[in-house]
Amino acid sequence: MPAMGHARHAHDPPNYHCRRTPARPRPCESKSMSTHLRVNPITCEAHGLCAELLPEMITLDDWGYPIIDGNPIAPELLEHARRAAAACPTLALLIERR
């Protein structure tokens, strides 16, 4: 009997709706992920607090909006980056793994 909400078609094999999709292949184990900063330009209101807390990676443009250097966060700066992201009044500063 087909699963609820799924009609069985004449061309479907008998267990068509019970099959699982194959798992995605895992990325190469030697490839490591790095941590990066990102600013959500829609929510950022140019308070500038992030640049004060993390001047090693963030500068401000002429209007006070942050410019991120784009490099991965160095391990010794990761805790400072987390504090800067947490202190952002609009939560526009994000930490991502890529």
Protein backbone atom coordinates (compact mmCIF):
# COMPACT_ATOMS: atom_id res chain seq x y z
CA MET A 1 0.00 0.00 0.00
CA PRO A 2 1.45 3.43 -0.87
CA ALA A 3 2.36 5.92 1.84
CA MET A 4 -0.24 8.48 2.86
CA GLY A 5 -0.50 11.27 0.33
CA HIS A 6 1.53 9.43 -2.34
CA ALA A 7 -0.28 7.86 -5.24
CA ARG A 8 1.40 4.83 -6.76
CA HIS A 9 1.91 5.05 -10.49
CA ALA A 10 1.85 2.07 -12.83
CA HIS A 11 5.46 2.68 -13.87
CA ASP A 12 6.79 2.84 -10.27
CA PRO A 13 8.60 -0.23 -8.93
CA PRO A 14 6.81 -1.95 -6.01
CA ASN A 15 8.92 -0.35 -3.25
CA TYR A 16 9.37 3.03 -4.94
CA HIS A 17 8.02 5.10 -2.04
CA CYS A 18 10.01 3.17 0.57
CA ARG A 19 13.44 3.80 -0.95
CA ARG A 20 15.82 6.16 0.72
CA THR A 21 17.80 8.65 -1.24
CA PRO A 22 21.52 7.88 -1.38
CA ALA A 23 23.65 9.78 1.09
CA ARG A 24 25.65 12.68 -0.21
CA PRO A 25 29.34 11.96 -0.57
CA ARG A 26 31.40 13.45 2.23
CA PRO A 27 33.80 16.21 1.36
CA CYS A 28 37.45 15.28 1.25
CA GLU A 29 38.68 14.74 4.80
CA SER A 30 41.90 16.67 4.13
CA LYS A 31 39.92 19.80 3.28
CA SER A 32 39.49 21.81 6.46
CA MET A 33 36.86 24.43 7.08
CA SER A 34 37.81 27.94 8.07
CA THR A 35 35.94 30.56 10.05
CA HIS A 36 35.06 33.89 8.43
CA LEU A 37 33.28 37.09 9.39
CA ARG A 38 30.34 38.36 7.39
CA VAL A 39 28.23 41.47 7.74
CA ASN A 40 24.53 41.44 6.92
CA PRO A 41 24.28 44.75 5.05
CA ILE A 42 20.52 44.94 5.51
CA THR A 43 20.56 44.83 9.31
CA CYS A 44 23.79 46.78 9.85
CA GLU A 45 23.16 50.35 11.05
CA ALA A 46 26.82 51.48 11.15
CA HIS A 47 27.25 51.68 14.91
CA GLY A 48 30.96 50.86 14.48
CA LEU A 49 31.26 48.78 17.63
CA CYS A 50 32.61 45.79 15.68
CA ALA A 51 35.58 47.81 14.39
CA GLU A 52 36.36 48.98 17.91
CA LEU A 53 36.33 45.43 19.25
CA LEU A 54 38.13 43.79 16.31
CA PRO A 55 40.31 46.39 14.54
CA GLU A 56 42.62 43.62 13.27
CA MET A 57 39.93 42.50 10.81
CA ILE A 58 37.37 45.30 10.51
CA THR A 59 37.71 48.88 9.31
CA LEU A 60 34.95 51.41 8.72
CA ASP A 61 34.09 53.17 5.48
CA ASP A 62 33.35 56.91 5.25
CA TRP A 63 29.76 56.35 6.46
CA GLY A 64 30.72 54.11 9.39
CA TYR A 65 29.82 50.78 7.81
CA PRO A 66 32.22 47.87 8.44
CA ILE A 67 34.61 46.56 5.83
CA ILE A 68 35.75 43.01 6.58
CA ASP A 69 39.20 42.03 5.34
CA GLY A 70 37.87 38.68 4.00
CA ASN A 71 40.62 36.49 5.44
CA PRO A 72 39.80 33.56 7.71
CA ILE A 73 39.71 34.44 11.39
CA ALA A 74 43.04 33.60 12.99
CA PRO A 75 42.69 31.20 15.93
CA GLU A 76 44.05 33.81 18.35
CA LEU A 77 41.34 36.28 17.23
CA LEU A 78 38.39 33.88 17.29
CA GLU A 79 37.29 34.75 20.82
CA HIS A 80 37.52 38.48 20.02
CA ALA A 81 35.46 37.91 16.86
CA ARG A 82 32.80 36.09 18.88
CA ARG A 83 32.64 39.00 21.33
CA ALA A 84 32.34 41.51 18.50
CA ALA A 85 29.51 39.50 16.90
CA ALA A 86 27.70 39.18 20.23
CA ALA A 87 28.11 42.91 20.97
CA CYS A 88 26.67 44.09 17.64
CA PRO A 89 23.48 46.02 18.52
CA THR A 90 21.67 44.75 15.41
CA LEU A 91 23.34 41.31 15.30
CA ALA A 92 24.58 42.10 11.79
CA LEU A 93 28.07 40.67 12.34
CA LEU A 94 28.08 36.92 11.71
CA ILE A 95 30.67 34.19 12.10
CA GLU A 96 30.50 31.47 9.45
CA ARG A 97 32.35 28.25 8.73
CA ARG A 98 33.18 27.64 5.07
